[in-house]
């Protein structure tokens, strides 16, 4: 409408497709549903409406405390988050990439060391390794589960390998039993990128608790999301905890006495208070996601042009994303957009095809599955608050 109707969220045009901003869309969700009959890719309002009074009380508590960084709210969230995962230690930090970076720093992984990680992932996974000064060693993901597997990792191990960084992409999980067994046999560290897997389990054990460190992101659209950026690291070793706690706070174990070259990346009190409120709802919200995923599996079953997600046996996914593969992905996305159904692609360019990592292009043929996923993956809407009718409508349009 030329931007004249201020009831609607801002629009973004990308490759000829118009998207509604996935965060600001909440403010106008009711209007969109009423006037445009649009199904947004993600909407936070249904979750926030459930806990509005508790969120307001938590924010008021921070205001009354007059303490906004490294205070009681952060300490409480760290205690709650580690208890939820049944691990000894949690250090809250500013965002997910910092959680990965500080995990590597705390484990003394840097220049001269190699870290094996998947070729198919968000670029932040790679950036954390190169920022730490270590060498990225990519391996392709499995064609069925779309996750990194122990077999290719074993073939990539060299005398310089120091760590493995599995990524629990989409809220599914890698075979962590095999990954940890492989790491132990070669005396390697394991840093889990669990930005998308909060609440997922493998053989009854939660994602992010298998390795030496588990790194989390609390970006607003994550299963456990803040009202801004946020992250955390879980670990079992107290010395690692102390190192991360110092590194996030200028390298200080005591104020005005930096012992290492640290950074400033701390989870603020407002985000910590919000996350504590939301953590109490996480299991319920994840169960809703699984219910919605079940509706999708039923609605989309039998469509030969669409490949549905698969995952390891004994994995209970968190379904951060509901990805499918489509032989005519771009045409399908355009059709769904025209029908008022927002989708996204995770991810249209693998890291080795992005400008920052052009040195890896000479090995691009070694990652065929990553390229296939980049050209065929489409993420359908999945968020607590979606209705069965919405999923049925999406299913009908995919079939159409």
Protein backbone atom coordinates (compact mmCIF):
# COMPACT_ATOMS: atom_id res chain seq x y z
CA UNK A 1 0.00 0.00 0.00
CA UNK A 2 2.97 2.28 -0.49
CA UNK A 3 3.67 2.33 3.25
CA UNK A 4 0.65 4.49 4.00
CA UNK A 5 -1.13 1.98 6.24
CA UNK A 6 0.80 2.11 9.49
CA UNK A 7 -1.05 -0.90 10.92
CA UNK A 8 1.16 -3.20 8.89
CA UNK A 9 4.70 -4.31 9.64
CA UNK A 10 7.62 -3.04 7.54
CA UNK A 11 8.19 -4.87 4.27
CA UNK A 12 11.51 -6.18 2.97
CA UNK A 13 12.07 -7.05 -0.68
CA UNK A 14 14.66 -9.77 -1.35
CA UNK A 15 15.19 -11.44 -4.72
CA UNK A 16 11.83 -10.17 -5.90
CA UNK A 17 9.93 -11.60 -2.91
CA UNK A 18 8.32 -9.37 -0.29
CA UNK A 19 8.70 -10.49 3.31
CA UNK A 20 7.23 -9.16 6.51
CA UNK A 21 9.84 -8.56 9.16
CA UNK A 22 9.68 -11.59 11.47
CA UNK A 23 10.14 -9.65 14.68
CA UNK A 24 8.15 -6.46 14.08
CA UNK A 25 5.32 -8.42 12.46
CA UNK A 26 3.92 -9.12 15.93
CA UNK A 27 2.65 -5.59 16.41
CA UNK A 28 0.29 -5.95 13.49
CA UNK A 29 -0.38 -9.69 13.55
CA UNK A 30 -4.08 -9.29 14.27
CA UNK A 31 -4.49 -6.78 11.45
CA UNK A 32 -2.58 -9.01 9.06
CA UNK A 33 -4.69 -12.02 9.90
CA UNK A 34 -7.91 -10.04 9.56
CA UNK A 35 -7.15 -8.00 6.44
CA UNK A 36 -4.63 -10.07 4.51
CA UNK A 37 -5.17 -13.57 5.91
CA UNK A 38 -1.39 -13.88 6.10
CA UNK A 39 0.39 -16.64 8.00
CA UNK A 40 3.66 -15.07 9.19
CA UNK A 41 6.83 -17.07 9.24
CA UNK A 42 7.12 -16.33 12.95
CA UNK A 43 4.99 -14.47 15.49
CA UNK A 44 5.96 -13.82 19.10
CA UNK A 45 2.69 -12.24 20.21
CA UNK A 46 0.87 -15.52 21.02
CA UNK A 47 3.67 -16.56 23.40
CA UNK A 48 4.07 -13.13 24.96
CA UNK A 49 0.33 -12.79 25.51
CA UNK A 50 0.40 -15.95 27.67
CA UNK A 51 2.97 -14.50 30.04
CA UNK A 52 2.42 -10.76 29.68
CA UNK A 53 1.86 -10.04 33.36
CA UNK A 54 4.86 -12.14 34.42
CA UNK A 55 7.07 -10.39 31.87
CA UNK A 56 5.93 -6.98 33.10
CA UNK A 57 6.60 -7.98 36.71
CA UNK A 58 10.07 -9.25 35.78
CA UNK A 59 10.93 -6.00 33.99
CA UNK A 60 9.61 -3.95 36.89
CA UNK A 61 11.78 -6.00 39.23
CA UNK A 62 14.88 -5.08 37.25
CA UNK A 63 13.93 -1.41 37.27
CA UNK A 64 13.42 -1.51 41.03
CA UNK A 65 16.75 -3.23 41.60
CA UNK A 66 18.76 -0.42 39.99
CA UNK A 67 21.26 -3.08 38.88
CA UNK A 68 21.47 -3.85 35.16
CA UNK A 69 24.59 -5.93 34.45
CA UNK A 70 25.85 -9.09 36.24
CA UNK A 71 23.26 -8.87 38.98
CA UNK A 72 20.74 -11.13 40.67
CA UNK A 73 18.59 -11.71 37.58
CA UNK A 74 21.57 -13.04 35.62
CA UNK A 75 22.69 -15.23 38.51
CA UNK A 76 19.18 -16.64 38.90
CA UNK A 77 18.87 -17.42 35.20
CA UNK A 78 22.24 -19.15 35.15
CA UNK A 79 21.13 -21.35 38.07
CA UNK A 80 17.79 -22.14 36.42
CA UNK A 81 19.27 -22.87 33.02
CA UNK A 82 21.92 -25.26 34.32
CA UNK A 83 19.30 -26.98 36.49
CA UNK A 84 17.02 -27.41 33.47
CA UNK A 85 19.90 -29.14 31.67
CA UNK A 86 21.20 -31.04 34.72
CA UNK A 87 24.77 -29.74 34.34
CA UNK A 88 27.05 -28.14 36.96
CA UNK A 89 27.79 -24.79 35.32
CA UNK A 90 26.28 -22.04 33.17
CA UNK A 91 27.79 -18.71 32.12
CA UNK A 92 25.43 -16.24 30.44
CA UNK A 93 26.91 -14.07 27.69
CA UNK A 94 25.84 -11.49 25.14
CA UNK A 95 24.90 -13.71 22.18
CA UNK A 96 25.33 -17.08 20.54
CA UNK A 97 28.46 -16.44 18.48
CA UNK A 98 30.25 -15.15 21.57
CA UNK A 99 29.18 -18.31 23.41
CA UNK A 100 30.97 -20.36 20.74
CA UNK A 101 34.00 -18.08 20.60
CA UNK A 102 34.53 -17.97 24.36
CA UNK A 103 34.09 -21.75 24.58
CA UNK A 104 37.00 -22.17 22.18
CA UNK A 105 39.08 -19.58 24.05
CA UNK A 106 38.39 -21.24 27.39
CA UNK A 107 39.50 -24.59 25.96
CA UNK A 108 42.77 -23.02 24.70
CA UNK A 109 41.88 -23.56 21.05
CA UNK A 110 43.34 -20.97 18.70
CA UNK A 111 46.08 -20.39 16.10
CA UNK A 112 47.58 -23.61 14.79
CA UNK A 113 44.56 -25.70 15.83
CA UNK A 114 41.94 -27.22 13.55
CA UNK A 115 38.23 -27.39 14.36
CA UNK A 116 35.96 -29.71 12.37
CA UNK A 117 32.47 -28.33 11.71
CA UNK A 118 29.66 -28.81 9.18
CA UNK A 119 29.67 -27.28 5.70
CA UNK A 120 25.93 -26.67 6.05
CA UNK A 121 25.25 -24.25 8.90
CA UNK A 122 24.73 -20.56 9.61
CA UNK A 123 27.90 -18.57 9.03
CA UNK A 124 28.19 -17.71 12.76
CA UNK A 125 29.43 -21.25 13.43
CA UNK A 126 32.39 -20.67 11.14
CA UNK A 127 32.99 -17.09 12.26
CA UNK A 128 33.46 -18.16 15.88
CA UNK A 129 36.26 -20.54 14.88
CA UNK A 130 38.11 -18.12 12.62
CA UNK A 131 37.70 -15.31 15.19
CA UNK A 132 39.43 -17.54 17.73
CA UNK A 133 42.31 -17.87 15.26
CA UNK A 134 41.76 -21.57 14.64
CA UNK A 135 41.51 -23.26 11.23
CA UNK A 136 38.09 -24.31 9.95
CA UNK A 137 37.86 -27.86 8.58
CA UNK A 138 34.43 -28.33 6.98
CA UNK A 139 32.77 -31.69 6.40
CA UNK A 140 29.59 -32.36 4.47
CA UNK A 141 26.35 -33.24 6.26
CA UNK A 142 24.33 -36.42 5.91
CA UNK A 143 21.90 -36.50 2.98
CA UNK A 144 19.06 -37.86 5.14
CA UNK A 145 19.40 -36.14 8.53
CA UNK A 146 21.09 -32.97 7.19
CA UNK A 147 23.38 -33.11 10.25
CA UNK A 148 27.12 -33.67 10.67
CA UNK A 149 27.95 -37.35 11.18
CA UNK A 150 30.87 -39.07 12.91
CA UNK A 151 32.07 -40.98 9.81
CA UNK A 152 33.11 -37.96 7.72
CA UNK A 153 34.46 -36.27 10.85
CA UNK A 154 36.77 -39.23 11.50
CA UNK A 155 38.18 -38.95 7.98
CA UNK A 156 38.91 -35.24 8.50
CA UNK A 157 40.95 -35.65 11.71
CA UNK A 158 44.64 -34.74 11.43
CA UNK A 159 47.51 -34.24 13.86
CA UNK A 160 46.39 -30.58 14.23
CA UNK A 161 42.76 -31.30 15.04
CA UNK A 162 41.81 -30.05 18.49
CA UNK A 163 38.03 -29.92 18.50
CA UNK A 164 34.77 -30.99 16.87
CA UNK A 165 31.89 -28.52 16.63
CA UNK A 166 28.61 -30.34 15.90
CA UNK A 167 25.60 -28.14 15.10
CA UNK A 168 22.11 -29.29 16.09
CA UNK A 169 20.55 -27.62 13.08
CA UNK A 170 16.78 -26.98 12.85
CA UNK A 171 16.33 -28.31 16.39
CA UNK A 172 17.30 -31.85 15.36
CA UNK A 173 20.45 -33.43 16.79
CA UNK A 174 23.68 -35.03 15.64
CA UNK A 175 24.49 -38.55 16.82
CA UNK A 176 26.26 -37.31 19.93
CA UNK A 177 27.02 -40.75 21.29
CA UNK A 178 29.13 -41.49 18.22
CA UNK A 179 30.58 -37.96 18.16
CA UNK A 180 31.72 -38.04 21.79
CA UNK A 181 33.11 -41.55 21.41
CA UNK A 182 35.14 -40.39 18.39
CA UNK A 183 36.37 -37.28 20.21
CA UNK A 184 37.47 -39.28 23.24
CA UNK A 185 39.38 -41.76 21.11
CA UNK A 186 41.43 -38.90 19.62
CA UNK A 187 41.62 -36.72 22.76
CA UNK A 188 39.58 -33.95 21.12
CA UNK A 189 37.31 -31.32 22.64
CA UNK A 190 33.62 -31.08 21.69
CA UNK A 191 31.84 -27.71 21.48
CA UNK A 192 28.14 -28.04 20.63
CA UNK A 193 26.50 -25.27 18.66
CA UNK A 194 23.04 -25.54 20.17
CA UNK A 195 21.63 -22.22 18.99
CA UNK A 196 18.66 -24.02 17.43
CA UNK A 197 18.35 -27.06 19.66
CA UNK A 198 17.30 -25.81 23.09
CA UNK A 199 15.11 -28.48 24.64
CA UNK A 200 15.85 -31.22 22.11
CA UNK A 201 16.98 -34.56 23.55
CA UNK A 202 19.00 -37.56 22.40
CA UNK A 203 18.53 -40.77 24.38
CA UNK A 204 16.88 -38.68 27.09
CA UNK A 205 19.81 -36.25 27.43
CA UNK A 206 19.40 -32.62 26.42
CA UNK A 207 21.22 -31.03 23.51
CA UNK A 208 24.16 -28.92 24.60
CA UNK A 209 25.16 -31.21 27.48
CA UNK A 210 27.23 -33.86 25.68
CA UNK A 211 30.41 -31.92 24.92
CA UNK A 212 32.99 -29.97 26.87
CA UNK A 213 30.91 -26.86 26.19
CA UNK A 214 27.40 -26.27 24.88
CA UNK A 215 26.80 -22.86 23.30
CA UNK A 216 23.30 -21.34 23.14
CA UNK A 217 21.68 -18.35 21.46
CA UNK A 218 18.67 -16.52 22.87
CA UNK A 219 17.86 -14.43 19.80
CA UNK A 220 14.17 -13.48 20.04
CA UNK A 221 12.91 -16.08 17.55
CA UNK A 222 14.72 -19.01 19.18
CA UNK A 223 12.73 -21.61 21.15
CA UNK A 224 13.95 -19.80 24.25
CA UNK A 225 14.26 -16.21 23.10
CA UNK A 226 15.01 -12.96 24.87
CA UNK A 227 13.75 -9.49 23.89
CA UNK A 228 17.12 -8.88 22.24
CA UNK A 229 20.39 -10.73 21.90
CA UNK A 230 21.60 -13.18 24.50
CA UNK A 231 23.56 -16.40 24.88
CA UNK A 232 25.01 -18.88 27.34
CA UNK A 233 27.58 -21.63 27.72
CA UNK A 234 27.00 -24.86 29.64
CA UNK A 235 29.95 -26.89 30.88
CA UNK A 236 30.93 -29.47 33.48
CA UNK A 237 34.46 -28.27 34.24
CA UNK A 238 34.69 -25.50 36.84
CA UNK A 239 38.00 -24.20 35.47
CA UNK A 240 36.37 -23.75 32.06
CA UNK A 241 33.49 -21.92 33.74
CA UNK A 242 35.87 -19.54 35.50
CA UNK A 243 37.72 -18.81 32.27
CA UNK A 244 34.53 -18.02 30.35
CA UNK A 245 33.25 -15.86 33.21
CA UNK A 246 36.49 -13.85 33.12
CA UNK A 247 36.67 -13.66 29.32
CA UNK A 248 33.13 -12.24 29.03
CA UNK A 249 34.04 -9.47 31.49
CA UNK A 250 37.21 -7.90 30.08
CA UNK A 251 39.32 -10.86 31.20
CA UNK A 252 38.79 -9.96 34.86
CA UNK A 253 38.43 -12.50 37.64
CA UNK A 254 38.54 -9.55 40.02
CA UNK A 255 37.57 -5.99 39.14
CA UNK A 256 40.39 -3.85 37.77
CA UNK A 257 42.71 -6.84 37.41
CA UNK A 258 42.49 -8.39 33.93
CA UNK A 259 44.41 -11.64 33.80
CA UNK A 260 43.68 -12.47 30.14
CA UNK A 261 42.68 -10.52 27.03
CA UNK A 262 38.92 -10.65 27.36
CA UNK A 263 35.94 -8.92 25.82
CA UNK A 264 32.74 -7.28 27.04
CA UNK A 265 29.83 -9.62 26.36
CA UNK A 266 27.50 -10.11 29.31
CA UNK A 267 23.81 -11.02 29.43
CA UNK A 268 22.09 -7.94 30.82
CA UNK A 269 19.60 -8.09 33.69
CA UNK A 270 16.56 -7.30 31.54
CA UNK A 271 17.20 -10.18 29.16
CA UNK A 272 18.04 -12.52 32.04
CA UNK A 273 14.78 -11.69 33.84
CA UNK A 274 12.77 -12.25 30.65
CA UNK A 275 14.52 -15.56 29.97
CA UNK A 276 13.73 -16.83 33.46
CA UNK A 277 10.02 -16.21 32.84
CA UNK A 278 10.18 -17.89 29.44
CA UNK A 279 12.25 -20.86 30.62
CA UNK A 280 9.33 -21.93 32.79
CA UNK A 281 7.24 -22.21 29.60
CA UNK A 282 9.85 -23.84 27.37
CA UNK A 283 8.74 -27.46 27.71
CA UNK A 284 5.13 -26.52 26.97
CA UNK A 285 6.11 -24.42 23.97
CA UNK A 286 8.37 -27.17 22.61
CA UNK A 287 5.55 -29.67 22.93
CA UNK A 288 3.38 -27.32 20.88
CA UNK A 289 6.08 -27.21 18.22
CA UNK A 290 6.17 -31.00 18.13
CA UNK A 291 2.40 -31.11 17.78
CA UNK A 292 2.54 -28.64 14.89
CA UNK A 293 5.35 -30.67 13.29
CA UNK A 294 3.13 -33.74 13.53
CA UNK A 295 0.38 -31.88 11.69
CA UNK A 296 2.87 -30.96 8.97
CA UNK A 297 4.11 -34.52 8.60
CA UNK A 298 0.52 -35.65 8.10
CA UNK A 299 -0.45 -32.79 5.77
CA UNK A 300 2.64 -33.08 3.55
CA UNK A 301 3.05 -36.84 3.46
CA UNK A 302 2.94 -38.46 0.04
CA UNK A 303 3.98 -35.40 -1.99
CA UNK A 304 6.74 -36.80 -4.19
CA UNK A 305 8.25 -33.37 -4.91
CA UNK A 306 8.73 -32.63 -1.21
CA UNK A 307 11.24 -34.37 1.10
CA UNK A 308 10.29 -34.23 4.77
CA UNK A 309 12.86 -33.91 7.57
CA UNK A 310 14.46 -36.98 9.12
CA UNK A 311 16.54 -37.30 12.27
CA UNK A 312 18.54 -39.71 14.38
CA UNK A 313 16.82 -42.55 16.19
CA UNK A 314 16.19 -41.67 19.85
CA UNK A 315 16.12 -37.93 19.07
CA UNK A 316 13.19 -35.81 20.22
CA UNK A 317 13.59 -32.59 18.20
CA UNK A 318 12.82 -29.12 19.44
CA UNK A 319 11.65 -28.12 15.93
CA UNK A 320 13.14 -24.65 15.98
CA UNK A 321 12.58 -24.76 12.22
CA UNK A 322 10.39 -27.02 10.10
CA UNK A 323 12.50 -27.54 6.97
CA UNK A 324 11.49 -29.39 3.83
CA UNK A 325 13.29 -29.98 0.56
CA UNK A 326 11.47 -29.20 -2.66
CA UNK A 327 12.62 -29.98 -6.20
CA UNK A 328 11.17 -26.62 -7.33
CA UNK A 329 11.91 -24.69 -4.15
CA UNK A 330 11.92 -21.17 -5.58
CA UNK A 331 8.66 -21.69 -7.45
CA UNK A 332 7.07 -23.17 -4.33
CA UNK A 333 8.20 -20.23 -2.24
CA UNK A 334 6.77 -17.74 -4.74
CA UNK A 335 3.46 -19.62 -4.79
CA UNK A 336 3.21 -19.67 -1.00
CA UNK A 337 4.11 -15.98 -0.78
CA UNK A 338 1.35 -15.15 -3.27
CA UNK A 339 -1.07 -17.10 -1.06
CA UNK A 340 -0.10 -15.13 2.06
CA UNK A 341 2.18 -17.78 3.57
CA UNK A 342 5.61 -16.54 4.61
CA UNK A 343 8.62 -18.85 4.37
CA UNK A 344 12.39 -18.60 4.70
CA UNK A 345 15.45 -20.44 3.38
CA UNK A 346 18.01 -21.87 5.81
CA UNK A 347 20.47 -21.28 4.19
CA UNK A 348 20.66 -20.01 0.58
CA UNK A 349 24.47 -19.78 0.64
CA UNK A 350 26.63 -22.20 2.61
CA UNK A 351 29.57 -20.52 4.38
CA UNK A 352 32.11 -21.79 1.82
CA UNK A 353 30.26 -19.84 -0.92
CA UNK A 354 30.18 -16.55 1.00
CA UNK A 355 32.72 -13.82 0.28
CA UNK A 356 34.32 -13.99 3.70
CA UNK A 357 35.42 -17.60 3.08
CA UNK A 358 36.28 -17.67 -0.63
CA UNK A 359 39.42 -19.69 0.15
CA UNK A 360 37.17 -22.73 0.63
CA UNK A 361 35.63 -22.58 -2.86
CA UNK A 362 38.36 -24.83 -4.26
CA UNK A 363 36.91 -27.62 -2.06
CA UNK A 364 33.26 -26.88 -2.87
CA UNK A 365 32.82 -30.18 -4.73
CA UNK A 366 33.55 -31.96 -1.43
CA UNK A 367 30.28 -30.64 0.03
CA UNK A 368 27.54 -31.73 -2.44
CA UNK A 369 24.82 -32.18 0.20
CA UNK A 370 25.40 -28.67 1.54
CA UNK A 371 24.93 -27.31 -1.97
CA UNK A 372 21.81 -29.42 -2.53
CA UNK A 373 20.29 -28.12 0.70
CA UNK A 374 21.13 -24.53 -0.25
CA UNK A 375 19.19 -24.99 -3.48
CA UNK A 376 16.24 -27.04 -2.23
CA UNK A 377 15.58 -26.28 1.47
CA UNK A 378 12.49 -24.27 2.43
CA UNK A 379 11.47 -23.47 6.00
CA UNK A 380 7.74 -23.43 6.73
CA UNK A 381 6.17 -21.42 9.57
CA UNK A 382 6.33 -23.09 12.98
CA UNK A 383 5.70 -21.25 16.24
CA UNK A 384 3.63 -21.80 19.37
CA UNK A 385 0.21 -20.35 18.64
CA UNK A 386 -0.17 -21.78 15.15
CA UNK A 387 -3.45 -23.59 14.61
CA UNK A 388 -4.28 -26.87 12.91
CA UNK A 389 -6.23 -24.88 10.31
CA UNK A 390 -3.10 -22.87 9.45
CA UNK A 391 -1.05 -26.03 8.89
CA UNK A 392 -3.83 -27.60 6.82
CA UNK A 393 -3.97 -24.47 4.66
CA UNK A 394 -0.19 -24.54 4.17
CA UNK A 395 -0.41 -28.23 3.29
CA UNK A 396 -3.10 -27.54 0.68
CA UNK A 397 -1.06 -24.79 -0.92
CA UNK A 398 2.11 -26.91 -0.99
CA UNK A 399 0.15 -29.66 -2.73
CA UNK A 400 -1.33 -27.12 -5.14
